[in-house]
Every structure is written in C-alpha cells, then in structure tokens.
Amino acid sequence: MATIFAANESTIQIDGEAVEGVRSIDYRFAQIRQNVYALGSAERVAMISGAQAVEAVLRVASTSRKLNEIGDTQFQLTAQLKHGDTKMNVTFDECYLQSKSFQMGVGEHGEATYGFTAARVREEVA
C-alpha cells in the first residue's frame, strides 16, 4: 500500500526556521553506478558505486525572506512530511542555493522557485 503525505499537514524548515507559503518540494537523488564483470563472463558479478548528487526545487507562494537572504551561505533544509500519524523526516545537508525565479500570471498570486543542491539527503520514517 502507498504511503500518503498531505501538503497541508507537512512543514519545511531552513536552519530551524519555518518557511511559510510552501507550495511544493521536488527532489532527485542520483548516484553513478558501474558494472563489474568477471573475466570471460558477460554477466555482472558486482556493482561499484560512485559520485552522488542531490538536486531539489522548492516553490513558495510569493517569496521566502529566509531564502532571499541566504546568498552564498550553506544551509540545512528539513521537511517533515505528514498525514495523520504517518510521518517522514527528509533532511538535506550542506545545501547551496543555485537558482531563483519568480513568476506571476494574470489573476494569480506570485510564486518563487528556489533550486538548490545538497551534499546528501536523509529520509527517516518516524
């Protein structure tokens, strides 16, 4: 059965300070993998793991004062994903802001998009 998290119950914090107006968070973890083959065999016998990368995007209604002030400083982002009694903490360590954009359409509110990278992401089911 799938684990469901609700956006209106979940929270995002940067360096312990709550981020208001979060619309969404998307993240991607990727790791380079290399196959190892035995001499004279076409079947893989092992796997070597290499470099890892974590990229994420946070969308906020209007803007985030905290993220606008971060500049080139390192930060930690923590997301507590919840639905009822189901919880999962997702922690992004050693983050750096890489991009920032803002858009606003006719009849809508503004939305800022913040792209960042992290040294690692940790997921802990609570």
C-alpha atoms as a PDB file:
ATOM      1  CA  MET A   1       0.000   0.000   0.000  1.00  0.00           C
ATOM      2  CA  ALA A   2       1.249   3.505  -0.835  1.00  0.00           C
ATOM      3  CA  THR A   3       2.288   5.963   1.855  1.00  0.00           C
ATOM      4  CA  ILE A   4       0.321   9.201   1.506  1.00  0.00           C
ATOM      5  CA  PHE A   5       1.567  12.576   2.764  1.00  0.00           C
ATOM      6  CA  ALA A   6      -0.579  15.726   2.849  1.00  0.00           C
ATOM      7  CA  ALA A   7       0.870  19.080   1.823  1.00  0.00           C
ATOM      8  CA  ASN A   8      -1.321  20.999   4.295  1.00  0.00           C
ATOM      9  CA  GLU A   9      -0.006  18.895   7.215  1.00  0.00           C
ATOM     10  CA  SER A  10       3.674  18.927   6.195  1.00  0.00           C
ATOM     11  CA  THR A  11       6.253  21.577   7.128  1.00  0.00           C
ATOM     12  CA  ILE A  12       9.578  22.835   5.734  1.00  0.00           C
ATOM     13  CA  GLN A  13      12.310  24.449   7.832  1.00  0.00           C
ATOM     14  CA  ILE A  14      15.570  26.099   6.844  1.00  0.00           C
ATOM     15  CA  ASP A  15      18.157  26.145   9.623  1.00  0.00           C
ATOM     16  CA  GLY A  16      15.315  25.545  12.110  1.00  0.00           C
ATOM     17  CA  GLU A  17      13.138  28.429  10.842  1.00  0.00           C
ATOM     18  CA  ALA A  18       9.763  27.566   9.277  1.00  0.00           C
ATOM     19  CA  VAL A  19       9.249  28.511   5.632  1.00  0.00           C
ATOM     20  CA  GLU A  20       5.772  29.948   5.111  1.00  0.00           C
ATOM     21  CA  GLY A  21       3.742  29.528   1.938  1.00  0.00           C
ATOM     22  CA  VAL A  22       5.433  26.379   0.616  1.00  0.00           C
ATOM     23  CA  ARG A  23       3.577  25.144  -2.472  1.00  0.00           C
ATOM     24  CA  SER A  24       5.752  22.145  -3.325  1.00  0.00           C
ATOM     25  CA  ILE A  25       9.126  20.469  -2.947  1.00  0.00           C
ATOM     26  CA  ASP A  26      10.678  18.192  -5.556  1.00  0.00           C
ATOM     27  CA  TYR A  27      13.984  16.414  -5.134  1.00  0.00           C
ATOM     28  CA  ARG A  28      16.121  13.959  -7.018  1.00  0.00           C
ATOM     29  CA  PHE A  29      18.947  11.743  -5.761  1.00  0.00           C
ATOM     30  CA  ALA A  30      21.248  10.191  -8.348  1.00  0.00           C
ATOM     31  CA  GLN A  31      24.346   8.034  -7.971  1.00  0.00           C
ATOM     32  CA  ILE A  32      26.770   6.847 -10.621  1.00  0.00           C
ATOM     33  CA  ARG A  33      26.938   3.053 -10.803  1.00  0.00           C
ATOM     34  CA  GLN A  34      29.421   0.915 -12.723  1.00  0.00           C
ATOM     35  CA  ASN A  35      29.044  -2.762 -13.550  1.00  0.00           C
ATOM     36  CA  VAL A  36      31.901  -5.194 -12.766  1.00  0.00           C
ATOM     37  CA  TYR A  37      32.295  -8.323 -14.901  1.00  0.00           C
ATOM     38  CA  ALA A  38      34.363 -11.469 -14.283  1.00  0.00           C
ATOM     39  CA  LEU A  39      37.000 -12.313 -16.857  1.00  0.00           C
ATOM     40  CA  GLY A  40      35.453 -14.337 -19.651  1.00  0.00           C
ATOM     41  CA  SER A  41      31.893 -13.700 -18.487  1.00  0.00           C
ATOM     42  CA  ALA A  42      29.113 -11.493 -19.861  1.00  0.00           C
ATOM     43  CA  GLU A  43      27.228 -11.471 -16.544  1.00  0.00           C
ATOM     44  CA  ARG A  44      27.646  -8.759 -13.965  1.00  0.00           C
ATOM     45  CA  VAL A  45      29.265 -10.032 -10.750  1.00  0.00           C
ATOM     46  CA  ALA A  46      29.336  -6.796  -8.755  1.00  0.00           C
ATOM     47  CA  MET A  47      28.436  -3.124  -8.753  1.00  0.00           C
ATOM     48  CA  ILE A  48      30.681  -0.164  -7.916  1.00  0.00           C
ATOM     49  CA  SER A  49      29.012   2.989  -6.577  1.00  0.00           C
ATOM     50  CA  GLY A  50      30.473   6.383  -7.363  1.00  0.00           C
ATOM     51  CA  ALA A  51      29.624  10.065  -7.031  1.00  0.00           C
ATOM     52  CA  GLN A  52      26.202  11.152  -5.736  1.00  0.00           C
ATOM     53  CA  ALA A  53      24.182  14.248  -6.484  1.00  0.00           C
ATOM     54  CA  VAL A  54      21.110  15.721  -4.796  1.00  0.00           C
ATOM     55  CA  GLU A  55      19.112  18.418  -6.566  1.00  0.00           C
ATOM     56  CA  ALA A  56      15.881  19.956  -5.313  1.00  0.00           C
ATOM     57  CA  VAL A  57      13.359  22.665  -6.106  1.00  0.00           C
ATOM     58  CA  LEU A  58      11.214  24.470  -3.540  1.00  0.00           C
ATOM     59  CA  ARG A  59       8.209  26.511  -4.698  1.00  0.00           C
ATOM     60  CA  VAL A  60       6.847  29.193  -2.380  1.00  0.00           C
ATOM     61  CA  ALA A  61       3.753  31.407  -2.673  1.00  0.00           C
ATOM     62  CA  SER A  62       5.085  34.941  -3.256  1.00  0.00           C
ATOM     63  CA  THR A  63       8.648  34.743  -1.848  1.00  0.00           C
ATOM     64  CA  SER A  64      10.657  33.469   1.118  1.00  0.00           C
ATOM     65  CA  ARG A  65      12.552  36.094   3.106  1.00  0.00           C
ATOM     66  CA  LYS A  66      14.881  33.432   4.520  1.00  0.00           C
ATOM     67  CA  LEU A  67      15.824  32.028   1.094  1.00  0.00           C
ATOM     68  CA  ASN A  68      16.184  35.505  -0.430  1.00  0.00           C
ATOM     69  CA  GLU A  69      18.728  36.427   2.272  1.00  0.00           C
ATOM     70  CA  ILE A  70      20.766  33.181   2.121  1.00  0.00           C
ATOM     71  CA  GLY A  71      23.021  34.191  -0.762  1.00  0.00           C
ATOM     72  CA  ASP A  72      26.165  32.010  -0.949  1.00  0.00           C
ATOM     73  CA  THR A  73      25.889  30.597   2.570  1.00  0.00           C
ATOM     74  CA  GLN A  74      25.392  26.929   3.314  1.00  0.00           C
ATOM     75  CA  PHE A  75      22.098  25.873   4.910  1.00  0.00           C
ATOM     76  CA  GLN A  76      20.171  22.811   6.048  1.00  0.00           C
ATOM     77  CA  LEU A  77      16.616  22.164   4.892  1.00  0.00           C
ATOM     78  CA  THR A  78      14.313  19.803   6.774  1.00  0.00           C
ATOM     79  CA  ALA A  79      10.929  18.639   5.512  1.00  0.00           C
ATOM     80  CA  GLN A  80       8.541  16.874   7.861  1.00  0.00           C
ATOM     81  CA  LEU A  81       6.068  15.080   5.632  1.00  0.00           C
ATOM     82  CA  LYS A  82       2.871  14.086   7.449  1.00  0.00           C
ATOM     83  CA  HIS A  83      -0.567  12.644   7.076  1.00  0.00           C
ATOM     84  CA  GLY A  84      -2.321  11.780  10.314  1.00  0.00           C
ATOM     85  CA  ASP A  85       0.054   9.573  12.315  1.00  0.00           C
ATOM     86  CA  THR A  86       2.273   8.827   9.293  1.00  0.00           C
ATOM     87  CA  LYS A  87       5.466  10.905   9.318  1.00  0.00           C
ATOM     88  CA  MET A  88       8.740  11.030   7.417  1.00  0.00           C
ATOM     89  CA  ASN A  89      11.583  13.456   8.007  1.00  0.00           C
ATOM     90  CA  VAL A  90      13.641  14.379   4.952  1.00  0.00           C
ATOM     91  CA  THR A  91      16.849  16.268   5.731  1.00  0.00           C
ATOM     92  CA  PHE A  92      19.020  17.958   3.119  1.00  0.00           C
ATOM     93  CA  ASP A  93      22.545  18.606   4.454  1.00  0.00           C
ATOM     94  CA  GLU A  94      25.108  21.168   3.274  1.00  0.00           C
ATOM     95  CA  CYS A  95      22.776  22.911   0.829  1.00  0.00           C
ATOM     96  CA  TYR A  96      23.612  25.759  -1.527  1.00  0.00           C
ATOM     97  CA  LEU A  97      21.099  27.878  -3.424  1.00  0.00           C
ATOM     98  CA  GLN A  98      21.693  27.533  -7.174  1.00  0.00           C
ATOM     99  CA  SER A  99      18.809  29.328  -8.810  1.00  0.00           C
ATOM    100  CA  LYS A 100      15.893  31.566  -8.039  1.00  0.00           C
ATOM    101  CA  SER A 101      12.995  32.608 -10.256  1.00  0.00           C
ATOM    102  CA  PHE A 102       9.663  34.370  -9.830  1.00  0.00           C
ATOM    103  CA  GLN A 103       6.511  34.187 -11.889  1.00  0.00           C
ATOM    104  CA  MET A 104       3.058  35.712 -11.633  1.00  0.00           C
ATOM    105  CA  GLY A 105       0.176  35.311 -14.039  1.00  0.00           C
ATOM    106  CA  VAL A 106      -2.924  37.415 -14.504  1.00  0.00           C
ATOM    107  CA  GLY A 107      -5.431  36.722 -11.732  1.00  0.00           C
ATOM    108  CA  GLU A 108      -2.948  34.643  -9.732  1.00  0.00           C
ATOM    109  CA  HIS A 109      -0.555  35.197  -6.861  1.00  0.00           C
ATOM    110  CA  GLY A 110       3.193  35.258  -7.335  1.00  0.00           C
ATOM    111  CA  GLU A 111       5.287  32.132  -6.907  1.00  0.00           C
ATOM    112  CA  ALA A 112       9.042  31.945  -6.314  1.00  0.00           C
ATOM    113  CA  THR A 113      11.025  28.875  -7.307  1.00  0.00           C
ATOM    114  CA  TYR A 114      14.302  28.130  -5.491  1.00  0.00           C
ATOM    115  CA  GLY A 115      16.670  25.484  -6.856  1.00  0.00           C
ATOM    116  CA  PHE A 116      19.350  24.065  -4.580  1.00  0.00           C
ATOM    117  CA  THR A 117      21.851  21.242  -4.283  1.00  0.00           C
ATOM    118  CA  ALA A 118      22.729  19.223  -1.200  1.00  0.00           C
ATOM    119  CA  ALA A 119      25.662  17.029  -0.201  1.00  0.00           C
ATOM    120  CA  ARG A 120      23.220  14.333   0.948  1.00  0.00           C
ATOM    121  CA  VAL A 121      19.573  13.633   1.633  1.00  0.00           C
ATOM    122  CA  ARG A 122      18.405  11.509   4.574  1.00  0.00           C
ATOM    123  CA  GLU A 123      14.914  10.011   4.768  1.00  0.00           C
ATOM    124  CA  GLU A 124      13.761   8.770   8.174  1.00  0.00           C
ATOM    125  CA  VAL A 125      10.323   7.266   8.680  1.00  0.00           C
ATOM    126  CA  ALA A 126       9.095   8.353  12.109  1.00  0.00           C
END
